[in-house]
Protein backbone atom coordinates (compact mmCIF):
# COMPACT_ATOMS: atom_id res chain seq x y z
CA UNK A 1 0.00 0.00 0.00
CA UNK A 2 1.20 3.51 -0.74
CA UNK A 3 2.91 5.50 1.98
CA UNK A 4 0.57 8.37 2.97
CA UNK A 5 1.70 11.79 1.84
CA UNK A 6 2.12 14.24 4.69
CA UNK A 7 0.10 17.32 3.81
CA UNK A 8 1.63 20.52 5.06
CA UNK A 9 -0.14 23.77 5.73
CA UNK A 10 1.44 27.13 6.25
CA UNK A 11 0.82 26.90 9.97
CA UNK A 12 3.16 23.93 10.13
CA UNK A 13 6.04 26.26 9.44
CA UNK A 14 5.42 27.67 12.92
CA UNK A 15 4.49 24.40 14.56
CA UNK A 16 6.95 22.78 16.95
CA UNK A 17 5.89 19.22 17.58
CA UNK A 18 6.63 18.24 21.11
CA UNK A 19 4.94 18.00 24.45
CA UNK A 20 2.96 21.22 24.17
CA UNK A 21 -0.79 20.53 24.48
CA UNK A 22 -2.90 21.32 21.39
CA UNK A 23 -4.64 24.24 23.10
CA UNK A 24 -1.34 26.16 23.27
CA UNK A 25 -1.37 28.16 20.05
CA UNK A 26 1.29 29.82 17.95
CA UNK A 27 1.05 33.46 16.86
CA UNK A 28 -0.05 32.39 13.36
CA UNK A 29 -2.83 30.24 14.81
CA UNK A 30 -4.03 33.01 17.12
CA UNK A 31 -4.13 35.37 14.15
CA UNK A 32 -6.16 32.87 12.13
CA UNK A 33 -8.59 32.40 15.00
CA UNK A 34 -9.04 36.16 15.22
CA UNK A 35 -9.86 36.36 11.52
CA UNK A 36 -12.19 33.35 11.44
CA UNK A 37 -13.77 33.62 14.89
CA UNK A 38 -15.47 36.98 14.41
CA UNK A 39 -18.25 35.42 12.33
CA UNK A 40 -19.36 33.20 15.21
CA UNK A 41 -19.06 36.08 17.63
CA UNK A 42 -21.43 38.08 15.41
CA UNK A 43 -23.74 35.09 14.97
CA UNK A 44 -24.31 34.71 18.71
CA UNK A 45 -24.33 38.48 19.30
CA UNK A 46 -27.06 38.82 16.70
CA UNK A 47 -28.99 35.84 18.07
CA UNK A 48 -28.99 37.40 21.54
CA UNK A 49 -29.80 41.01 20.71
CA UNK A 50 -32.87 40.35 18.56
CA UNK A 51 -34.95 39.42 21.64
CA UNK A 52 -34.32 42.67 23.59
CA UNK A 53 -34.39 44.63 20.32
CA UNK A 54 -37.89 43.27 19.59
CA UNK A 55 -39.03 44.43 23.03
CA UNK A 56 -37.45 47.86 22.47
CA UNK A 57 -39.22 48.18 19.13
CA UNK A 58 -42.48 47.34 20.84
CA UNK A 59 -41.99 50.28 23.24
CA UNK A 60 -40.99 52.57 20.37
CA UNK A 61 -43.53 51.59 17.73
CA UNK A 62 -46.50 50.73 19.93
CA UNK A 63 -46.36 53.20 22.83
CA UNK A 64 -49.98 52.43 23.74
CA UNK A 65 -48.75 49.19 25.29
CA UNK A 66 -49.95 46.80 22.59
CA UNK A 67 -47.69 43.93 21.57
CA UNK A 68 -45.90 43.48 18.28
CA UNK A 69 -48.11 41.69 15.72
CA UNK A 70 -47.50 37.99 16.32
CA UNK A 71 -46.81 37.17 12.66
CA UNK A 72 -44.36 40.02 12.12
CA UNK A 73 -42.63 39.38 15.44
CA UNK A 74 -42.13 35.72 14.57
CA UNK A 75 -40.81 36.60 11.13
CA UNK A 76 -38.47 39.24 12.55
CA UNK A 77 -36.96 36.75 15.00
CA UNK A 78 -36.72 33.98 12.41
CA UNK A 79 -35.37 36.23 9.62
CA UNK A 80 -31.67 35.74 10.38
CA UNK A 81 -32.06 31.96 10.58
CA UNK A 82 -33.95 31.90 7.27
CA UNK A 83 -31.15 33.89 5.67
CA UNK A 84 -28.57 31.61 7.27
CA UNK A 85 -29.91 28.57 5.41
CA UNK A 86 -29.52 30.41 2.10
CA UNK A 87 -26.01 31.60 2.99
CA UNK A 88 -24.83 28.19 4.15
CA UNK A 89 -25.84 26.52 0.90
CA UNK A 90 -24.58 29.30 -1.38
CA UNK A 91 -21.25 30.11 0.26
CA UNK A 92 -20.52 26.45 0.97
CA UNK A 93 -20.81 25.60 -2.71
CA UNK A 94 -18.89 28.68 -3.88
CA UNK A 95 -16.07 27.98 -1.40
CA UNK A 96 -15.41 24.66 -3.15
CA UNK A 97 -16.16 25.72 -6.71
CA UNK A 98 -14.33 29.07 -6.82
CA UNK A 99 -11.88 28.78 -3.93
CA UNK A 100 -11.72 30.15 -0.40
CA UNK A 101 -9.69 33.21 -1.38
CA UNK A 102 -12.19 34.29 -4.06
CA UNK A 103 -15.14 34.13 -1.66
CA UNK A 104 -13.80 34.74 1.88
CA UNK A 105 -14.70 38.18 3.16
CA UNK A 106 -17.76 38.57 0.94
CA UNK A 107 -19.98 37.10 3.66
CA UNK A 108 -18.60 39.67 6.10
CA UNK A 109 -19.33 42.45 3.61
CA UNK A 110 -22.96 41.27 3.54
CA UNK A 111 -23.07 41.33 7.35
CA UNK A 112 -21.68 44.89 7.42
CA UNK A 113 -24.10 46.11 4.73
CA UNK A 114 -27.13 44.53 6.40
CA UNK A 115 -26.15 45.84 9.84
CA UNK A 116 -25.79 49.41 8.55
CA UNK A 117 -29.14 49.19 6.77
CA UNK A 118 -30.79 47.70 9.87
CA UNK A 119 -29.80 50.64 12.09
CA UNK A 120 -31.19 53.05 9.49
CA UNK A 121 -34.71 51.64 9.96
CA UNK A 122 -36.90 54.78 9.59
CA UNK A 123 -39.15 54.23 12.59
CA UNK A 124 -40.19 57.88 12.50
CA UNK A 125 -41.42 57.94 8.90
CA UNK A 126 -42.62 54.39 8.21
CA UNK A 127 -45.69 52.84 9.82
CA UNK A 128 -45.01 50.47 12.74
CA UNK A 129 -45.65 47.43 10.57
CA UNK A 130 -43.60 48.94 7.73
CA UNK A 131 -40.66 49.47 10.08
CA UNK A 132 -40.77 45.83 11.16
CA UNK A 133 -40.90 44.65 7.54
CA UNK A 134 -37.98 46.93 6.62
CA UNK A 135 -35.87 45.54 9.46
CA UNK A 136 -36.88 41.96 8.67
CA UNK A 137 -35.70 42.25 5.06
CA UNK A 138 -32.22 43.36 6.08
CA UNK A 139 -32.06 40.78 8.83
CA UNK A 140 -32.58 38.11 6.18
CA UNK A 141 -29.61 39.59 4.28
CA UNK A 142 -27.66 39.67 7.55
CA UNK A 143 -28.49 35.99 8.02
CA UNK A 144 -27.16 35.14 4.55
CA UNK A 145 -23.81 36.63 5.57
CA UNK A 146 -23.81 34.96 8.99
CA UNK A 147 -24.79 31.62 7.43
CA UNK A 148 -22.06 31.94 4.83
CA UNK A 149 -19.51 32.29 7.58
CA UNK A 150 -20.13 28.73 8.82
CA UNK A 151 -18.69 26.82 5.84
CA UNK A 152 -16.20 29.58 4.97
CA UNK A 153 -14.50 29.87 8.36
CA UNK A 154 -14.66 26.12 8.97
CA UNK A 155 -13.01 25.40 5.61
CA UNK A 156 -10.40 28.15 5.91
CA UNK A 157 -9.40 26.91 9.36
CA UNK A 158 -9.44 23.19 8.61
CA UNK A 159 -7.43 23.77 5.41
CA UNK A 160 -4.64 25.40 7.44
CA UNK A 161 -4.64 23.44 10.69
CA UNK A 162 -2.19 20.67 11.51
CA UNK A 163 -3.94 17.40 12.25
CA UNK A 164 -3.10 17.22 15.93
CA UNK A 165 -4.65 20.66 16.50
CA UNK A 166 -7.44 20.73 13.94
CA UNK A 167 -10.28 19.97 16.37
CA UNK A 168 -8.91 22.38 18.96
CA UNK A 169 -8.68 25.18 16.38
CA UNK A 170 -12.27 24.59 15.24
CA UNK A 171 -13.51 24.44 18.84
CA UNK A 172 -11.72 27.71 19.62
CA UNK A 173 -13.48 29.37 16.68
CA UNK A 174 -16.88 28.01 17.66
CA UNK A 175 -16.39 29.14 21.27
CA UNK A 176 -16.74 32.71 20.04
CA UNK A 177 -20.48 32.05 20.12
CA UNK A 178 -20.29 32.02 23.90
CA UNK A 179 -18.42 35.34 23.95
CA UNK A 180 -20.86 36.82 21.43
CA UNK A 181 -23.79 35.99 23.72
CA UNK A 182 -22.01 37.34 26.78
CA UNK A 183 -20.80 40.57 25.15
CA UNK A 184 -24.23 41.11 23.59
CA UNK A 185 -25.81 40.85 27.05
CA UNK A 186 -23.24 43.18 28.64
CA UNK A 187 -23.47 45.77 25.86
CA UNK A 188 -27.25 45.86 26.22
CA UNK A 189 -27.22 46.55 29.96
CA UNK A 190 -24.37 49.10 29.63
CA UNK A 191 -26.20 51.09 26.94
CA UNK A 192 -29.44 50.84 28.90
CA UNK A 193 -27.63 52.14 32.00
CA UNK A 194 -26.45 55.15 29.97
CA UNK A 195 -30.08 55.84 28.97
CA UNK A 196 -31.54 55.34 32.45
CA UNK A 197 -31.98 59.03 33.25
CA UNK A 198 -33.77 59.98 30.04
CA UNK A 199 -35.86 56.81 29.79
CA UNK A 200 -36.64 56.02 33.42
CA UNK A 201 -36.34 59.28 35.33
CA UNK A 202 -37.74 61.58 32.62
CA UNK A 203 -40.14 59.00 31.25
CA UNK A 204 -39.12 59.33 27.59
CA UNK A 205 -39.48 55.68 26.68
CA UNK A 206 -39.26 56.50 22.95
CA UNK A 207 -35.53 57.13 23.45
CA UNK A 208 -35.17 53.36 23.45
CA UNK A 209 -34.92 53.87 19.68
CA UNK A 210 -31.36 55.01 20.26
CA UNK A 211 -30.52 52.09 22.56
CA UNK A 212 -31.24 49.33 20.06
CA UNK A 213 -29.45 51.14 17.23
CA UNK A 214 -26.30 51.50 19.35
CA UNK A 215 -26.45 47.89 20.51
CA UNK A 216 -26.83 46.59 16.94
CA UNK A 217 -24.35 49.09 15.48
CA UNK A 218 -21.52 48.19 17.86
CA UNK A 219 -21.23 44.82 16.14
CA UNK A 220 -19.69 46.71 13.20
CA UNK A 221 -16.46 47.20 15.17
CA UNK A 222 -15.23 43.56 15.07
CA UNK A 223 -16.66 43.18 11.56
CA UNK A 224 -14.67 46.08 10.12
CA UNK A 225 -11.67 45.04 12.22
CA UNK A 226 -11.25 41.76 10.36
CA UNK A 227 -12.61 42.58 6.90
CA UNK A 228 -9.24 43.48 5.35
CA UNK A 229 -7.56 40.35 6.73
CA UNK A 230 -10.29 38.14 5.27
CA UNK A 231 -10.18 39.77 1.86
CA UNK A 232 -6.38 39.45 1.64
CA UNK A 233 -5.98 35.96 3.15
CA UNK A 234 -4.03 33.85 0.61
CA UNK A 235 -5.35 30.57 -0.69
CA UNK A 236 -4.30 27.60 1.43
CA UNK A 237 -1.82 25.04 0.13
CA UNK A 238 -4.23 22.26 0.99
CA UNK A 239 -7.01 23.73 -1.15
CA UNK A 240 -4.64 24.28 -4.07
CA UNK A 241 -3.51 20.65 -3.87
CA UNK A 242 -7.10 19.45 -3.70
CA UNK A 243 -7.80 21.06 -7.07
CA UNK A 244 -4.92 19.24 -8.75
CA UNK A 245 -4.10 16.14 -6.74
CA UNK A 246 -2.42 14.31 -9.64
CA UNK A 247 1.05 14.96 -8.24
CA UNK A 248 0.10 13.42 -4.91
CA UNK A 249 -1.45 10.40 -6.59
CA UNK A 250 1.75 9.85 -8.58
CA UNK A 251 3.88 10.26 -5.48
CA UNK A 252 1.86 7.60 -3.71
CA UNK A 253 2.17 5.29 -6.67
CA UNK A 254 5.92 5.81 -6.92
CA UNK A 255 6.28 4.38 -3.41
CA UNK A 256 4.69 1.11 -4.46
CA UNK A 257 6.58 -1.75 -5.95
CA UNK A 258 6.62 -1.98 -9.73
CA UNK A 259 4.25 -4.92 -9.55
CA UNK A 260 1.75 -3.13 -7.29
CA UNK A 261 1.95 -0.01 -9.41
CA UNK A 262 1.27 -2.05 -12.52
CA UNK A 263 -1.79 -3.56 -10.92
CA UNK A 264 -3.11 -0.15 -9.92
CA UNK A 265 -2.48 1.22 -13.38
CA UNK A 266 -4.32 -1.66 -15.00
CA UNK A 267 -7.65 -1.44 -16.77
CA UNK A 268 -9.33 1.93 -17.04
CA UNK A 269 -7.89 3.38 -13.83
CA UNK A 270 -5.51 5.84 -15.49
CA UNK A 271 -8.32 7.27 -17.58
CA UNK A 272 -10.63 7.45 -14.57
CA UNK A 273 -8.08 9.26 -12.42
CA UNK A 274 -7.34 11.78 -15.16
CA UNK A 275 -11.06 12.41 -15.55
CA UNK A 276 -11.54 13.05 -11.84
CA UNK A 277 -8.53 15.33 -11.63
CA UNK A 278 -9.61 17.53 -14.50
CA UNK A 279 -13.02 18.24 -13.05
CA UNK A 280 -13.71 21.25 -10.89
CA UNK A 281 -15.52 20.74 -7.58
CA UNK A 282 -18.96 21.35 -9.05
CA UNK A 283 -22.40 20.12 -8.19
CA UNK A 284 -22.41 17.06 -10.44
CA UNK A 285 -19.10 15.78 -9.06
CA UNK A 286 -20.37 16.43 -5.54
CA UNK A 287 -23.47 14.34 -6.23
CA UNK A 288 -21.38 11.57 -7.80
CA UNK A 289 -19.06 11.43 -4.79
CA UNK A 290 -21.91 11.28 -2.29
CA UNK A 291 -23.89 8.74 -4.30
CA UNK A 292 -21.73 6.06 -2.67
CA UNK A 293 -23.09 4.91 0.68
CA UNK A 294 -19.74 5.13 2.50
CA UNK A 295 -19.69 8.86 1.74
CA UNK A 296 -23.43 9.48 1.91
CA UNK A 297 -23.76 8.04 5.41
CA UNK A 298 -21.23 10.59 6.68
CA UNK A 299 -23.27 13.46 5.23
CA UNK A 300 -26.48 11.97 6.63
CA UNK A 301 -24.79 11.69 10.02
CA UNK A 302 -23.55 15.29 10.12
CA UNK A 303 -26.86 16.69 8.84
CA UNK A 304 -29.22 14.71 11.07
CA UNK A 305 -27.11 15.16 14.22
CA UNK A 306 -26.94 18.93 13.68
CA UNK A 307 -30.69 19.07 12.87
CA UNK A 308 -31.66 17.19 16.05
CA UNK A 309 -29.23 19.17 18.20
CA UNK A 310 -30.57 22.53 17.05
CA UNK A 311 -34.20 21.55 17.67
CA UNK A 312 -33.34 21.09 21.34
CA UNK A 313 -30.63 23.74 21.67
CA UNK A 314 -32.51 26.60 20.04
CA UNK A 315 -35.81 25.44 21.49
CA UNK A 316 -34.31 26.15 24.89
CA UNK A 317 -32.18 29.17 24.08
CA UNK A 318 -34.71 31.08 21.97
CA UNK A 319 -37.31 30.69 24.71
CA UNK A 320 -35.37 31.52 27.85
CA UNK A 321 -38.34 33.31 29.41
CA UNK A 322 -39.10 30.08 31.30
CA UNK A 323 -35.64 30.15 32.88
CA UNK A 324 -35.67 33.90 33.46
CA UNK A 325 -38.94 33.54 35.36
CA UNK A 326 -37.33 30.99 37.65
CA UNK A 327 -34.38 33.23 38.52
CA UNK A 328 -36.51 36.37 38.86
CA UNK A 329 -35.26 38.23 35.79
CA UNK A 330 -38.17 37.83 33.39
CA UNK A 331 -38.78 41.58 33.13
CA UNK A 332 -42.48 41.37 33.93
CA UNK A 333 -42.59 44.09 36.59
CA UNK A 334 -41.42 47.70 36.92
CA UNK A 335 -41.06 50.48 34.39
CA UNK A 336 -40.25 49.72 30.76
CA UNK A 337 -36.59 50.54 31.40
CA UNK A 338 -36.47 48.29 34.47
CA UNK A 339 -38.02 45.41 32.52
CA UNK A 340 -35.38 45.70 29.80
CA UNK A 341 -32.55 45.99 32.31
CA UNK A 342 -33.70 42.91 34.25
CA UNK A 343 -33.87 40.91 31.04
CA UNK A 344 -30.32 41.99 30.18
CA UNK A 345 -28.95 41.00 33.59
CA UNK A 346 -30.80 37.68 33.44
CA UNK A 347 -29.21 36.86 30.10
CA UNK A 348 -25.73 37.63 31.48
CA UNK A 349 -26.39 35.18 34.32
CA UNK A 350 -27.60 32.45 31.94
CA UNK A 351 -24.56 32.87 29.66
CA UNK A 352 -22.05 32.76 32.50
CA UNK A 353 -23.68 29.75 34.22
CA UNK A 354 -23.03 27.15 31.56
CA UNK A 355 -22.71 28.62 28.09
CA UNK A 356 -19.09 29.77 28.08
CA UNK A 357 -17.58 27.06 30.38
CA UNK A 358 -18.85 24.24 28.18
CA UNK A 359 -17.01 25.54 25.13
CA UNK A 360 -13.70 25.58 26.98
CA UNK A 361 -14.15 22.06 28.27
CA UNK A 362 -14.43 21.04 24.60
CA UNK A 363 -11.31 23.01 23.68
CA UNK A 364 -9.25 21.38 26.42
CA UNK A 365 -10.43 17.80 25.84
CA UNK A 366 -11.39 17.44 22.18
CA UNK A 367 -8.03 16.02 21.09
CA UNK A 368 -7.88 13.73 24.13
CA UNK A 369 -11.40 12.31 24.19
CA UNK A 370 -12.19 12.62 20.50
CA UNK A 371 -15.19 14.11 18.73
CA UNK A 372 -17.37 11.01 18.72
CA UNK A 373 -17.15 10.40 22.46
CA UNK A 374 -17.79 14.06 23.27
CA UNK A 375 -20.80 14.21 20.93
CA UNK A 376 -22.44 11.03 22.23
CA UNK A 377 -21.95 11.86 25.90
CA UNK A 378 -23.07 15.45 25.26
CA UNK A 379 -26.31 14.27 23.66
CA UNK A 380 -26.98 11.76 26.43
CA UNK A 381 -26.18 14.15 29.29
CA UNK A 382 -28.35 16.85 27.68
CA UNK A 383 -31.14 14.27 27.41
CA UNK A 384 -30.70 13.46 31.11
CA UNK A 385 -30.99 17.06 32.31
CA UNK A 386 -33.80 17.86 29.88
CA UNK A 387 -35.58 14.79 31.28
CA UNK A 388 -35.15 16.09 34.83
CA UNK A 389 -36.51 19.50 33.81
CA UNK A 390 -39.44 17.86 32.00
CA UNK A 391 -40.29 15.38 34.75
CA UNK A 392 -39.98 17.88 37.61
CA UNK A 393 -41.07 20.98 35.66
CA UNK A 394 -43.76 21.99 38.14
CA UNK A 395 -42.09 20.80 41.33
CA UNK A 396 -38.35 21.47 40.95
CA UNK A 397 -37.04 24.03 43.45
CA UNK A 398 -35.55 27.29 42.17
CA UNK A 399 -31.93 26.30 43.08
CA UNK A 400 -32.51 22.86 41.56
CA UNK A 401 -33.88 24.41 38.39
CA UNK A 402 -30.89 26.74 38.02
CA UNK A 403 -28.35 23.94 38.64
CA UNK A 404 -30.09 21.61 36.21
CA UNK A 405 -30.32 24.29 33.53
CA UNK A 406 -26.66 25.23 33.99
CA UNK A 407 -25.55 21.62 33.59
CA UNK A 408 -27.79 21.29 30.52
CA UNK A 409 -26.08 24.31 28.93
CA UNK A 410 -22.67 22.96 29.90
CA UNK A 411 -23.26 19.61 28.20
CA UNK A 412 -24.78 21.21 25.13
CA UNK A 413 -21.51 23.06 24.60
CA UNK A 414 -19.20 20.37 25.98
CA UNK A 415 -20.96 18.13 23.53
CA UNK A 416 -22.93 18.23 20.33
CA UNK A 417 -23.23 22.00 19.92
CA UNK A 418 -19.46 22.15 19.41
CA UNK A 419 -18.83 18.82 17.69
CA UNK A 420 -21.63 19.13 15.13
CA UNK A 421 -19.70 22.15 13.85
CA UNK A 422 -16.33 20.40 13.96
CA UNK A 423 -17.37 17.12 12.33
CA UNK A 424 -18.18 18.38 8.79
CA UNK A 425 -14.95 20.39 8.75
CA UNK A 426 -12.91 17.28 9.57
CA UNK A 427 -14.64 14.25 8.08
CA UNK A 428 -14.96 15.45 4.46
CA UNK A 429 -12.06 15.99 2.04
CA UNK A 430 -11.04 19.54 1.13
CA UNK A 431 -12.50 19.13 -2.35
CA UNK A 432 -16.05 18.83 -0.94
CA UNK A 433 -15.64 20.28 2.54
CA UNK A 434 -17.21 23.70 2.05
CA UNK A 435 -20.44 22.51 0.42
CA UNK A 436 -20.80 19.50 2.75
CA UNK A 437 -20.31 21.76 5.76
CA UNK A 438 -22.82 24.26 4.37
CA UNK A 439 -25.44 21.54 3.85
CA UNK A 440 -24.87 20.20 7.38
CA UNK A 441 -25.11 23.67 8.91
CA UNK A 442 -28.28 24.41 6.89
CA UNK A 443 -29.84 21.23 8.29
CA UNK A 444 -29.06 22.54 11.76
CA UNK A 445 -30.63 25.92 11.06
CA UNK A 446 -33.70 24.15 9.68
CA UNK A 447 -34.04 22.50 13.08
CA UNK A 448 -33.62 25.86 14.78
CA UNK A 449 -36.34 27.44 12.61
CA UNK A 450 -38.77 24.58 13.25
CA UNK A 451 -38.13 24.77 16.98
CA UNK A 452 -38.50 28.56 17.10
CA UNK A 453 -41.78 28.50 15.20
CA UNK A 454 -43.31 25.50 16.97
CA UNK A 455 -42.19 25.93 20.61
CA UNK A 456 -44.78 28.47 21.77
CA UNK A 457 -47.75 26.90 20.00
CA UNK A 458 -46.81 23.42 21.22
CA UNK A 459 -46.24 24.70 24.76
CA UNK A 460 -49.71 26.23 24.77
CA UNK A 461 -51.38 23.12 23.38
CA UNK A 462 -49.60 20.25 25.16
CA UNK A 463 -47.58 22.00 27.89
CA UNK A 464 -43.94 23.07 28.17
CA UNK A 465 -42.99 19.88 30.00
CA UNK A 466 -44.21 17.77 27.06
CA UNK A 467 -42.17 19.88 24.64
CA UNK A 468 -39.10 19.24 26.78
CA UNK A 469 -39.76 15.50 26.45
CA UNK A 470 -39.66 15.96 22.65
CA UNK A 471 -36.23 17.56 23.10
CA UNK A 472 -35.16 14.55 25.17
CA UNK A 473 -36.09 12.29 22.26
CA UNK A 474 -34.16 14.47 19.82
CA UNK A 475 -31.01 14.21 21.95
CA UNK A 476 -31.24 10.43 22.30
CA UNK A 477 -31.77 10.11 18.54
CA UNK A 478 -28.78 12.41 17.98
CA UNK A 479 -26.57 10.06 20.00
CA UNK A 480 -27.78 7.19 17.83
CA UNK A 481 -27.06 8.94 14.52
CA UNK A 482 -23.57 9.81 15.77
CA UNK A 483 -22.78 6.11 15.36
CA UNK A 484 -22.79 6.69 11.58
CA UNK A 485 -19.70 8.87 11.97
CA UNK A 486 -16.11 7.74 12.45
CA UNK A 487 -13.74 9.21 15.00
CA UNK A 488 -11.89 11.95 13.09
CA UNK A 489 -9.06 12.65 15.51
CA UNK A 490 -5.81 12.54 13.46
CA UNK A 491 -7.82 11.38 10.42
CA UNK A 492 -6.89 13.07 7.12
CA UNK A 493 -9.80 12.79 4.66
CA UNK A 494 -7.61 14.11 1.83
CA UNK A 495 -5.22 11.16 2.15
CA UNK A 496 -8.20 8.81 2.12
CA UNK A 497 -9.52 10.47 -1.05
CA UNK A 498 -6.11 10.19 -2.73
CA UNK A 499 -5.88 6.51 -1.86
CA UNK A 500 -9.37 5.99 -3.27
CA UNK A 501 -8.33 7.74 -6.46
CA UNK A 502 -5.18 5.63 -6.70
CA UNK A 503 -7.33 2.53 -6.39
CA UNK A 504 -9.92 3.79 -8.86
CA UNK A 505 -12.74 4.06 -6.32
CA UNK A 506 -12.92 7.81 -5.67
CA UNK A 507 -16.25 8.14 -7.41
């Protein structure tokens, strides 16, 4: 059998193999994480701020105390996720077909454009419903950019990472979601504190119009801060090799004995290999590759696991009012300003309790325990704590509820919420990685959309505890579908693809 070709990335020039743990990063790796991580920071920041922003818009647009129209409110909150599905498909495909360098940064330009247009919402000149529609349109565009960042940043990072650190690098990038949620919460309460006198003491609630624009607009700082670096990031060596792997195939074959090489060159193999090499990574080749069960089952595994995870994860995190009620920060009493401030503080508490710590447990242990083990135990532990919340929903004490919820959040993030992002970036070869990751991420967002739209109506019809039991089932099923996936620690899918090509079984 051919000796595997060691595939070098630029980061390996700075890598000193030794006893240093994978979570100790070089300067080049830290720089890459800064460039790639901002998208996930903005994703979580945006996910958090839309809930308080919707409440602020209610105070600004409907000062008589009436609520936002249910349909428009639901669409406004779902807009970014709807856009994300579009962005994940589109940018994932383009990343493979045209190259990372040609596309990277364009998704961030969309985010910047949509954010600027969002904060220009003319609430003073448009009708209340018109203002909500205006904002919804640009939040869909924002979502396209945010969704595009999933396959782009995952591919850019995985292309450049050394194998022994690849999972750690991806987990570091994904952990920016935790910081995005936390910073979004802190920014909201800081800006609200600055407006306390005019809103609370002087009673000018309409000034909340300035609060939400500042909160949303501040996300432009990290976006502009990394735009130039994304646009000028050179193409990775790994991606370049994936577009013309003939040299690597020949190198593998040259290591074989003359007899073995003759066998491999027999029949129609040489013609087949040449045909594969000449093709670009386009849709037809993608379909041909995944028409084989051994490849298709991996895509099914990444898609279904992410879909099931996001039903439970977003079902809980987009409807945190249940938790906020338990800890006394649901914002149901006091002046309008006091309600908003309590909600902001409550969200800080929720994020600190389990959101951020879980990500760092994954970072520290992902190369030791492996992705498969972390994902299965994360699903099962989340199912356990969701089951406790469901079974004791009406009788669990307040401290018990908080502890159980914190552990649930911890095992979401030291578990499937992190690994469902890492898996598609590691299990698929570079040639198909962007599109496969985009499809997997879109499946996850589809679960998030379903959960967001169905949670409240289901809770009203069958009860919140019954909905939590549905989430338990999703987590158990997620652990089962994880069995379709191999352990990807130290696994190089590009070497596997080259060996398949050398043996005439790549497609």
